[in-house]
């Protein structure tokens, strides 16, 4: 990579050390990724700096480093890249991690004080959530001591997702074991559930999962159940969840579960050591 030109470092904030710490926190799991901070420049807006980074992937056909540019905001905690506001700083995921450790109280597996916390925000009507389920199951099988929490995040565009979340909430309150069966069974017949038959289908699934379906249906219809689902949605929004599935590993938001399994394992192992 070409040596950085000192003339390109005109901004006092953020420091180069802060940018490098941010990049290590974001990319440290990928041993093939090499980066170099090329510029930290003032912009026309006071307190907003433009950062330029060169990135190279070892073992690829890449002939020259690619350039990544983003803007850091005056609070020192956020950046703008590709019209998206993202966490920034030496410990960019600490805030998400603290919020989820404090507020993610959905059905869970594994010891609560585990060094690895995995939180999934999901929607029972979402086909991508169904597709991601085997990946998440493999991940949890490889990390038996992780603390995994399921949080419902029904999307407003889905016509029975909120009802599915309400039934799931009630199943989870009745039996943690039944909850995980309910999740899998609902995904298994996802394509057969409609807005008009959702109560019938979800009641039957609850029965098949080991709890009394009629009791679950009555519970799902209560206002307090809807309030708990809305609280889960609000929690997701507080950590910038905009779609499903969204998975956090110690506060690190995984942007795609479609990454190679070995890369996902590297990311999880890396985050487990950052606690």
C-alpha atoms as a PDB file:
ATOM      1  CA  UNK A   1       0.000   0.000   0.000  1.00  0.00           C
ATOM      2  CA  UNK A   2       1.222   3.546  -0.673  1.00  0.00           C
ATOM      3  CA  UNK A   3       2.522   5.376   2.378  1.00  0.00           C
ATOM      4  CA  UNK A   4      -0.009   7.864   3.811  1.00  0.00           C
ATOM      5  CA  UNK A   5       0.690  11.518   3.064  1.00  0.00           C
ATOM      6  CA  UNK A   6       0.889  13.500   6.349  1.00  0.00           C
ATOM      7  CA  UNK A   7      -0.748  16.396   4.517  1.00  0.00           C
ATOM      8  CA  UNK A   8      -3.965  14.370   4.387  1.00  0.00           C
ATOM      9  CA  UNK A   9      -4.314  14.352   8.193  1.00  0.00           C
ATOM     10  CA  UNK A  10      -5.850  17.789   8.733  1.00  0.00           C
ATOM     11  CA  UNK A  11      -8.537  16.937  11.321  1.00  0.00           C
ATOM     12  CA  UNK A  12      -7.732  16.773  15.022  1.00  0.00           C
ATOM     13  CA  UNK A  13     -10.574  14.313  15.673  1.00  0.00           C
ATOM     14  CA  UNK A  14     -10.816  11.413  15.421  1.00  0.00           C
ATOM     15  CA  UNK A  15      -7.222  10.432  15.975  1.00  0.00           C
ATOM     16  CA  UNK A  16      -5.558   7.840  13.792  1.00  0.00           C
ATOM     17  CA  UNK A  17      -5.317   5.568  16.846  1.00  0.00           C
ATOM     18  CA  UNK A  18      -9.089   5.771  17.350  1.00  0.00           C
ATOM     19  CA  UNK A  19      -9.775   4.922  13.709  1.00  0.00           C
ATOM     20  CA  UNK A  20      -7.380   1.974  13.855  1.00  0.00           C
ATOM     21  CA  UNK A  21      -8.998   0.695  17.070  1.00  0.00           C
ATOM     22  CA  UNK A  22     -12.415   0.965  15.394  1.00  0.00           C
ATOM     23  CA  UNK A  23     -11.219  -0.981  12.369  1.00  0.00           C
ATOM     24  CA  UNK A  24      -9.658  -3.685  14.546  1.00  0.00           C
ATOM     25  CA  UNK A  25     -12.923  -4.021  16.475  1.00  0.00           C
ATOM     26  CA  UNK A  26     -14.877  -4.270  13.215  1.00  0.00           C
ATOM     27  CA  UNK A  27     -12.528  -6.430  11.143  1.00  0.00           C
ATOM     28  CA  UNK A  28     -10.171  -8.072  13.601  1.00  0.00           C
ATOM     29  CA  UNK A  29     -11.837 -11.464  13.117  1.00  0.00           C
ATOM     30  CA  UNK A  30     -10.728 -11.517   9.438  1.00  0.00           C
ATOM     31  CA  UNK A  31      -7.040 -12.430   9.440  1.00  0.00           C
ATOM     32  CA  UNK A  32      -6.848 -11.928   5.672  1.00  0.00           C
ATOM     33  CA  UNK A  33      -7.959  -8.302   5.748  1.00  0.00           C
ATOM     34  CA  UNK A  34      -5.241  -5.650   5.777  1.00  0.00           C
ATOM     35  CA  UNK A  35      -6.053  -1.982   6.191  1.00  0.00           C
ATOM     36  CA  UNK A  36      -4.247   1.313   6.326  1.00  0.00           C
ATOM     37  CA  UNK A  37      -5.616   4.711   7.320  1.00  0.00           C
ATOM     38  CA  UNK A  38      -4.776   7.091   4.467  1.00  0.00           C
ATOM     39  CA  UNK A  39      -6.457  10.330   5.506  1.00  0.00           C
ATOM     40  CA  UNK A  40      -8.415  12.041   8.277  1.00  0.00           C
ATOM     41  CA  UNK A  41      -9.549  15.357   6.856  1.00  0.00           C
ATOM     42  CA  UNK A  42     -11.584  18.343   7.932  1.00  0.00           C
ATOM     43  CA  UNK A  43     -14.796  18.977   6.044  1.00  0.00           C
ATOM     44  CA  UNK A  44     -16.903  22.081   5.504  1.00  0.00           C
ATOM     45  CA  UNK A  45     -18.986  21.129   8.550  1.00  0.00           C
ATOM     46  CA  UNK A  46     -17.316  21.758  11.896  1.00  0.00           C
ATOM     47  CA  UNK A  47     -16.723  18.536  13.829  1.00  0.00           C
ATOM     48  CA  UNK A  48     -17.371  16.216  10.873  1.00  0.00           C
ATOM     49  CA  UNK A  49     -14.253  14.546   9.485  1.00  0.00           C
ATOM     50  CA  UNK A  50     -13.694  12.478   6.356  1.00  0.00           C
ATOM     51  CA  UNK A  51     -11.733   9.274   6.896  1.00  0.00           C
ATOM     52  CA  UNK A  52     -10.160   7.330   4.041  1.00  0.00           C
ATOM     53  CA  UNK A  53      -8.951   3.750   4.509  1.00  0.00           C
ATOM     54  CA  UNK A  54      -7.256   1.396   2.056  1.00  0.00           C
ATOM     55  CA  UNK A  55      -8.324  -2.234   2.356  1.00  0.00           C
ATOM     56  CA  UNK A  56      -6.750  -5.356   0.900  1.00  0.00           C
ATOM     57  CA  UNK A  57      -7.774  -9.013   1.141  1.00  0.00           C
ATOM     58  CA  UNK A  58      -4.947 -11.526   1.144  1.00  0.00           C
ATOM     59  CA  UNK A  59      -5.425 -14.656  -0.927  1.00  0.00           C
ATOM     60  CA  UNK A  60      -7.723 -13.018  -3.502  1.00  0.00           C
ATOM     61  CA  UNK A  61      -7.258 -11.835  -7.070  1.00  0.00           C
ATOM     62  CA  UNK A  62      -7.374  -8.224  -5.898  1.00  0.00           C
ATOM     63  CA  UNK A  63      -4.707  -6.300  -7.819  1.00  0.00           C
ATOM     64  CA  UNK A  64      -4.779  -3.133  -5.751  1.00  0.00           C
ATOM     65  CA  UNK A  65      -6.257  -2.006  -2.452  1.00  0.00           C
ATOM     66  CA  UNK A  66      -9.838  -0.761  -2.441  1.00  0.00           C
ATOM     67  CA  UNK A  67     -10.691   2.582  -0.901  1.00  0.00           C
ATOM     68  CA  UNK A  68     -13.246   3.019   1.870  1.00  0.00           C
ATOM     69  CA  UNK A  69     -14.355   6.489   2.925  1.00  0.00           C
ATOM     70  CA  UNK A  70     -16.710   7.531   5.705  1.00  0.00           C
ATOM     71  CA  UNK A  71     -17.617  10.579   7.770  1.00  0.00           C
ATOM     72  CA  UNK A  72     -17.240  10.667  11.543  1.00  0.00           C
ATOM     73  CA  UNK A  73     -19.694  12.763  13.534  1.00  0.00           C
ATOM     74  CA  UNK A  74     -18.919  15.310  16.275  1.00  0.00           C
ATOM     75  CA  UNK A  75     -20.100  13.006  19.090  1.00  0.00           C
ATOM     76  CA  UNK A  76     -17.209  10.636  18.331  1.00  0.00           C
ATOM     77  CA  UNK A  77     -19.610   7.694  18.576  1.00  0.00           C
ATOM     78  CA  UNK A  78     -21.113   7.502  15.097  1.00  0.00           C
ATOM     79  CA  UNK A  79     -20.122   7.539  11.452  1.00  0.00           C
ATOM     80  CA  UNK A  80     -21.942   7.877   8.157  1.00  0.00           C
ATOM     81  CA  UNK A  81     -21.189   5.421   5.358  1.00  0.00           C
ATOM     82  CA  UNK A  82     -23.378   4.687   2.339  1.00  0.00           C
ATOM     83  CA  UNK A  83     -26.104   6.945   3.775  1.00  0.00           C
ATOM     84  CA  UNK A  84     -26.245   4.817   6.944  1.00  0.00           C
ATOM     85  CA  UNK A  85     -25.405   5.919  10.484  1.00  0.00           C
ATOM     86  CA  UNK A  86     -23.251   3.318  12.248  1.00  0.00           C
ATOM     87  CA  UNK A  87     -21.451   2.992  15.605  1.00  0.00           C
ATOM     88  CA  UNK A  88     -17.912   4.352  15.792  1.00  0.00           C
ATOM     89  CA  UNK A  89     -15.118   4.700  18.347  1.00  0.00           C
ATOM     90  CA  UNK A  90     -12.489   2.576  20.040  1.00  0.00           C
ATOM     91  CA  UNK A  91     -15.230   0.292  21.402  1.00  0.00           C
ATOM     92  CA  UNK A  92     -17.994   0.805  18.830  1.00  0.00           C
ATOM     93  CA  UNK A  93     -20.261  -2.047  19.947  1.00  0.00           C
ATOM     94  CA  UNK A  94     -20.103  -1.494  23.697  1.00  0.00           C
ATOM     95  CA  UNK A  95     -23.352   0.495  23.779  1.00  0.00           C
ATOM     96  CA  UNK A  96     -25.353  -2.130  21.878  1.00  0.00           C
ATOM     97  CA  UNK A  97     -23.818  -4.825  24.068  1.00  0.00           C
ATOM     98  CA  UNK A  98     -24.761  -3.023  27.288  1.00  0.00           C
ATOM     99  CA  UNK A  99     -28.321  -2.367  26.101  1.00  0.00           C
ATOM    100  CA  UNK A 100     -28.860  -5.986  25.080  1.00  0.00           C
ATOM    101  CA  UNK A 101     -27.321  -7.395  28.262  1.00  0.00           C
ATOM    102  CA  UNK A 102     -29.685  -5.194  30.257  1.00  0.00           C
ATOM    103  CA  UNK A 103     -32.864  -5.375  28.175  1.00  0.00           C
ATOM    104  CA  UNK A 104     -32.890  -8.583  26.106  1.00  0.00           C
ATOM    105  CA  UNK A 105     -35.090 -10.764  28.297  1.00  0.00           C
ATOM    106  CA  UNK A 106     -36.679 -13.057  25.715  1.00  0.00           C
ATOM    107  CA  UNK A 107     -36.545 -16.863  25.840  1.00  0.00           C
ATOM    108  CA  UNK A 108     -32.939 -17.934  26.227  1.00  0.00           C
ATOM    109  CA  UNK A 109     -30.487 -20.796  26.222  1.00  0.00           C
ATOM    110  CA  UNK A 110     -27.147 -21.076  27.984  1.00  0.00           C
ATOM    111  CA  UNK A 111     -25.696 -19.447  31.114  1.00  0.00           C
ATOM    112  CA  UNK A 112     -26.715 -15.819  31.627  1.00  0.00           C
ATOM    113  CA  UNK A 113     -23.181 -14.793  32.613  1.00  0.00           C
ATOM    114  CA  UNK A 114     -21.496 -16.414  29.594  1.00  0.00           C
ATOM    115  CA  UNK A 115     -18.671 -14.439  27.956  1.00  0.00           C
ATOM    116  CA  UNK A 116     -20.515 -14.754  24.648  1.00  0.00           C
ATOM    117  CA  UNK A 117     -23.964 -13.199  24.227  1.00  0.00           C
ATOM    118  CA  UNK A 118     -25.902 -13.844  21.015  1.00  0.00           C
ATOM    119  CA  UNK A 119     -29.217 -12.070  20.464  1.00  0.00           C
ATOM    120  CA  UNK A 120     -31.472 -12.727  17.485  1.00  0.00           C
ATOM    121  CA  UNK A 121     -34.301 -10.430  16.404  1.00  0.00           C
ATOM    122  CA  UNK A 122     -36.659 -12.448  14.262  1.00  0.00           C
ATOM    123  CA  UNK A 123     -40.069 -12.480  12.560  1.00  0.00           C
ATOM    124  CA  UNK A 124     -42.005 -15.740  12.238  1.00  0.00           C
ATOM    125  CA  UNK A 125     -43.450 -14.708   8.863  1.00  0.00           C
ATOM    126  CA  UNK A 126     -40.044 -13.734   7.451  1.00  0.00           C
ATOM    127  CA  UNK A 127     -38.722 -16.288   4.909  1.00  0.00           C
ATOM    128  CA  UNK A 128     -35.137 -15.110   5.479  1.00  0.00           C
ATOM    129  CA  UNK A 129     -35.519 -15.905   9.191  1.00  0.00           C
ATOM    130  CA  UNK A 130     -36.606 -19.420   8.308  1.00  0.00           C
ATOM    131  CA  UNK A 131     -33.618 -19.759   5.949  1.00  0.00           C
ATOM    132  CA  UNK A 132     -31.237 -18.497   8.644  1.00  0.00           C
ATOM    133  CA  UNK A 133     -32.451 -20.930  11.296  1.00  0.00           C
ATOM    134  CA  UNK A 134     -30.101 -23.819  10.357  1.00  0.00           C
ATOM    135  CA  UNK A 135     -27.136 -21.416  10.416  1.00  0.00           C
ATOM    136  CA  UNK A 136     -28.074 -20.174  13.878  1.00  0.00           C
ATOM    137  CA  UNK A 137     -28.579 -23.734  15.137  1.00  0.00           C
ATOM    138  CA  UNK A 138     -25.128 -24.747  13.864  1.00  0.00           C
ATOM    139  CA  UNK A 139     -23.627 -21.667  15.473  1.00  0.00           C
ATOM    140  CA  UNK A 140     -25.206 -22.465  18.832  1.00  0.00           C
ATOM    141  CA  UNK A 141     -24.126 -26.104  18.568  1.00  0.00           C
ATOM    142  CA  UNK A 142     -20.539 -24.922  18.103  1.00  0.00           C
ATOM    143  CA  UNK A 143     -20.845 -22.501  21.044  1.00  0.00           C
ATOM    144  CA  UNK A 144     -22.626 -24.540  23.754  1.00  0.00           C
ATOM    145  CA  UNK A 145     -21.646 -22.114  26.521  1.00  0.00           C
ATOM    146  CA  UNK A 146     -23.005 -19.037  24.766  1.00  0.00           C
ATOM    147  CA  UNK A 147     -26.027 -17.172  26.127  1.00  0.00           C
ATOM    148  CA  UNK A 148     -28.564 -16.995  23.295  1.00  0.00           C
ATOM    149  CA  UNK A 149     -31.658 -14.787  23.489  1.00  0.00           C
ATOM    150  CA  UNK A 150     -34.569 -14.725  21.038  1.00  0.00           C
ATOM    151  CA  UNK A 151     -36.367 -11.411  20.575  1.00  0.00           C
ATOM    152  CA  UNK A 152     -39.461 -11.010  18.409  1.00  0.00           C
ATOM    153  CA  UNK A 153     -39.388  -8.233  15.841  1.00  0.00           C
ATOM    154  CA  UNK A 154     -42.529  -8.643  13.708  1.00  0.00           C
ATOM    155  CA  UNK A 155     -42.374  -6.421  10.655  1.00  0.00           C
ATOM    156  CA  UNK A 156     -45.380  -4.162   9.959  1.00  0.00           C
ATOM    157  CA  UNK A 157     -45.502  -5.396   6.358  1.00  0.00           C
ATOM    158  CA  UNK A 158     -46.300  -8.952   7.525  1.00  0.00           C
ATOM    159  CA  UNK A 159     -49.969  -9.580   8.242  1.00  0.00           C
ATOM    160  CA  UNK A 160     -49.713 -12.363  10.856  1.00  0.00           C
ATOM    161  CA  UNK A 161     -46.203 -11.795  12.241  1.00  0.00           C
ATOM    162  CA  UNK A 162     -47.364  -9.813  15.289  1.00  0.00           C
ATOM    163  CA  UNK A 163     -49.822 -12.582  16.154  1.00  0.00           C
ATOM    164  CA  UNK A 164     -47.024 -15.136  15.786  1.00  0.00           C
ATOM    165  CA  UNK A 165     -44.881 -13.085  18.163  1.00  0.00           C
ATOM    166  CA  UNK A 166     -47.732 -12.928  20.690  1.00  0.00           C
ATOM    167  CA  UNK A 167     -48.244 -16.701  20.611  1.00  0.00           C
ATOM    168  CA  UNK A 168     -44.482 -17.226  20.922  1.00  0.00           C
ATOM    169  CA  UNK A 169     -44.341 -14.892  23.919  1.00  0.00           C
ATOM    170  CA  UNK A 170     -47.046 -16.878  25.681  1.00  0.00           C
ATOM    171  CA  UNK A 171     -45.489 -20.240  24.814  1.00  0.00           C
ATOM    172  CA  UNK A 172     -42.153 -19.027  26.168  1.00  0.00           C
ATOM    173  CA  UNK A 173     -43.737 -17.866  29.411  1.00  0.00           C
ATOM    174  CA  UNK A 174     -45.398 -21.264  29.805  1.00  0.00           C
ATOM    175  CA  UNK A 175     -42.394 -23.434  28.956  1.00  0.00           C
ATOM    176  CA  UNK A 176     -38.897 -22.579  27.741  1.00  0.00           C
ATOM    177  CA  UNK A 177     -38.518 -26.056  26.234  1.00  0.00           C
ATOM    178  CA  UNK A 178     -41.811 -25.724  24.359  1.00  0.00           C
ATOM    179  CA  UNK A 179     -40.753 -22.333  23.002  1.00  0.00           C
ATOM    180  CA  UNK A 180     -37.878 -23.710  20.909  1.00  0.00           C
ATOM    181  CA  UNK A 181     -40.143 -26.427  19.515  1.00  0.00           C
ATOM    182  CA  UNK A 182     -42.722 -23.741  18.694  1.00  0.00           C
ATOM    183  CA  UNK A 183     -40.108 -21.707  16.801  1.00  0.00           C
ATOM    184  CA  UNK A 184     -39.025 -24.631  14.635  1.00  0.00           C
ATOM    185  CA  UNK A 185     -42.538 -25.919  14.003  1.00  0.00           C
ATOM    186  CA  UNK A 186     -43.775 -22.460  13.012  1.00  0.00           C
ATOM    187  CA  UNK A 187     -40.965 -22.052  10.517  1.00  0.00           C
ATOM    188  CA  UNK A 188     -41.646 -25.565   9.192  1.00  0.00           C
ATOM    189  CA  UNK A 189     -45.215 -24.630   8.184  1.00  0.00           C
ATOM    190  CA  UNK A 190     -44.622 -20.921   7.623  1.00  0.00           C
ATOM    191  CA  UNK A 191     -45.888 -21.048   4.039  1.00  0.00           C
ATOM    192  CA  UNK A 192     -49.205 -22.560   5.176  1.00  0.00           C
ATOM    193  CA  UNK A 193     -50.055 -19.830   7.681  1.00  0.00           C
ATOM    194  CA  UNK A 194     -52.205 -16.921   6.519  1.00  0.00           C
ATOM    195  CA  UNK A 195     -53.790 -13.934   8.184  1.00  0.00           C
ATOM    196  CA  UNK A 196     -57.149 -15.730   8.229  1.00  0.00           C
ATOM    197  CA  UNK A 197     -55.970 -19.072   9.633  1.00  0.00           C
ATOM    198  CA  UNK A 198     -53.163 -17.839  11.908  1.00  0.00           C
ATOM    199  CA  UNK A 199     -55.039 -18.423  15.177  1.00  0.00           C
ATOM    200  CA  UNK A 200     -55.982 -21.957  14.189  1.00  0.00           C
ATOM    201  CA  UNK A 201     -52.487 -22.853  12.954  1.00  0.00           C
ATOM    202  CA  UNK A 202     -50.598 -21.227  15.837  1.00  0.00           C
ATOM    203  CA  UNK A 203     -52.887 -22.828  18.432  1.00  0.00           C
ATOM    204  CA  UNK A 204     -52.220 -26.242  16.874  1.00  0.00           C
ATOM    205  CA  UNK A 205     -48.473 -25.596  16.812  1.00  0.00           C
ATOM    206  CA  UNK A 206     -48.560 -24.614  20.480  1.00  0.00           C
ATOM    207  CA  UNK A 207     -50.361 -27.881  21.273  1.00  0.00           C
ATOM    208  CA  UNK A 208     -47.797 -29.859  19.282  1.00  0.00           C
ATOM    209  CA  UNK A 209     -45.015 -28.078  21.147  1.00  0.00           C
ATOM    210  CA  UNK A 210     -46.164 -29.377  24.516  1.00  0.00           C
ATOM    211  CA  UNK A 211     -48.381 -26.622  25.943  1.00  0.00           C
ATOM    212  CA  UNK A 212     -52.153 -26.174  25.951  1.00  0.00           C
ATOM    213  CA  UNK A 213     -53.015 -24.353  22.751  1.00  0.00           C
ATOM    214  CA  UNK A 214     -56.278 -22.863  23.980  1.00  0.00           C
ATOM    215  CA  UNK A 215     -54.520 -21.283  26.966  1.00  0.00           C
ATOM    216  CA  UNK A 216     -51.838 -19.879  24.687  1.00  0.00           C
ATOM    217  CA  UNK A 217     -54.467 -18.429  22.333  1.00  0.00           C
ATOM    218  CA  UNK A 218     -56.213 -16.715  25.246  1.00  0.00           C
ATOM    219  CA  UNK A 219     -52.903 -15.339  26.481  1.00  0.00           C
ATOM    220  CA  UNK A 220     -51.939 -14.098  23.002  1.00  0.00           C
ATOM    221  CA  UNK A 221     -55.107 -12.027  22.795  1.00  0.00           C
ATOM    222  CA  UNK A 222     -54.341 -10.050  25.951  1.00  0.00           C
ATOM    223  CA  UNK A 223     -53.172  -6.467  25.841  1.00  0.00           C
ATOM    224  CA  UNK A 224     -50.281  -7.182  28.185  1.00  0.00           C
ATOM    225  CA  UNK A 225     -48.937  -9.705  25.676  1.00  0.00           C
ATOM    226  CA  UNK A 226     -49.085  -7.137  22.878  1.00  0.00           C
ATOM    227  CA  UNK A 227     -47.272  -4.719  25.173  1.00  0.00           C
ATOM    228  CA  UNK A 228     -44.424  -7.212  25.673  1.00  0.00           C
ATOM    229  CA  UNK A 229     -44.141  -7.702  21.909  1.00  0.00           C
ATOM    230  CA  UNK A 230     -44.063  -3.921  21.417  1.00  0.00           C
ATOM    231  CA  UNK A 231     -41.326  -3.700  24.046  1.00  0.00           C
ATOM    232  CA  UNK A 232     -39.258  -6.218  22.080  1.00  0.00           C
ATOM    233  CA  UNK A 233     -39.772  -4.185  18.913  1.00  0.00           C
ATOM    234  CA  UNK A 234     -38.720  -1.008  20.738  1.00  0.00           C
ATOM    235  CA  UNK A 235     -35.616  -2.782  22.020  1.00  0.00           C
ATOM    236  CA  UNK A 236     -34.707  -3.753  18.473  1.00  0.00           C
ATOM    237  CA  UNK A 237     -35.156  -0.203  17.250  1.00  0.00           C
ATOM    238  CA  UNK A 238     -32.950   1.072  20.101  1.00  0.00           C
ATOM    239  CA  UNK A 239     -30.059  -0.966  18.655  1.00  0.00           C
ATOM    240  CA  UNK A 240     -30.904   0.016  15.080  1.00  0.00           C
ATOM    241  CA  UNK A 241     -32.634  -3.160  13.936  1.00  0.00           C
ATOM    242  CA  UNK A 242     -34.435  -2.394  10.675  1.00  0.00           C
ATOM    243  CA  UNK A 243     -35.018  -5.866   9.271  1.00  0.00           C
ATOM    244  CA  UNK A 244     -34.961  -9.545  10.117  1.00  0.00           C
ATOM    245  CA  UNK A 245     -33.149 -11.666  10.917  1.00  0.00           C
ATOM    246  CA  UNK A 246     -30.690  -9.452  12.769  1.00  0.00           C
ATOM    247  CA  UNK A 247     -28.148 -11.138  15.033  1.00  0.00           C
ATOM    248  CA  UNK A 248     -25.833  -9.481  17.553  1.00  0.00           C
ATOM    249  CA  UNK A 249     -22.709 -11.144  18.952  1.00  0.00           C
ATOM    250  CA  UNK A 250     -21.581  -9.238  22.054  1.00  0.00           C
ATOM    251  CA  UNK A 251     -23.132  -6.148  20.511  1.00  0.00           C
ATOM    252  CA  UNK A 252     -21.567  -6.678  17.084  1.00  0.00           C
ATOM    253  CA  UNK A 253     -24.322  -6.606  14.472  1.00  0.00           C
ATOM    254  CA  UNK A 254     -23.825  -9.339  11.894  1.00  0.00           C
ATOM    255  CA  UNK A 255     -24.828  -7.763   8.615  1.00  0.00           C
ATOM    256  CA  UNK A 256     -25.268 -11.053   6.752  1.00  0.00           C
ATOM    257  CA  UNK A 257     -25.703 -14.604   7.992  1.00  0.00           C
ATOM    258  CA  UNK A 258     -24.851 -15.707   4.473  1.00  0.00           C
ATOM    259  CA  UNK A 259     -21.123 -15.431   5.163  1.00  0.00           C
ATOM    260  CA  UNK A 260     -19.084 -18.669   4.965  1.00  0.00           C
ATOM    261  CA  UNK A 261     -19.477 -20.798   8.132  1.00  0.00           C
ATOM    262  CA  UNK A 262     -15.766 -20.620   8.902  1.00  0.00           C
ATOM    263  CA  UNK A 263     -15.859 -16.818   8.706  1.00  0.00           C
ATOM    264  CA  UNK A 264     -18.883 -16.692  11.006  1.00  0.00           C
ATOM    265  CA  UNK A 265     -17.054 -18.939  13.484  1.00  0.00           C
ATOM    266  CA  UNK A 266     -13.989 -16.666  13.340  1.00  0.00           C
ATOM    267  CA  UNK A 267     -16.175 -13.628  14.016  1.00  0.00           C
ATOM    268  CA  UNK A 268     -17.897 -15.258  16.984  1.00  0.00           C
ATOM    269  CA  UNK A 269     -14.629 -16.509  18.494  1.00  0.00           C
ATOM    270  CA  UNK A 270     -13.072 -13.059  18.060  1.00  0.00           C
ATOM    271  CA  UNK A 271     -15.993 -11.294  19.741  1.00  0.00           C
ATOM    272  CA  UNK A 272     -15.952 -13.781  22.628  1.00  0.00           C
ATOM    273  CA  UNK A 273     -12.408 -12.671  23.442  1.00  0.00           C
ATOM    274  CA  UNK A 274     -13.306  -8.966  23.428  1.00  0.00           C
ATOM    275  CA  UNK A 275     -15.444  -9.092  26.581  1.00  0.00           C
END
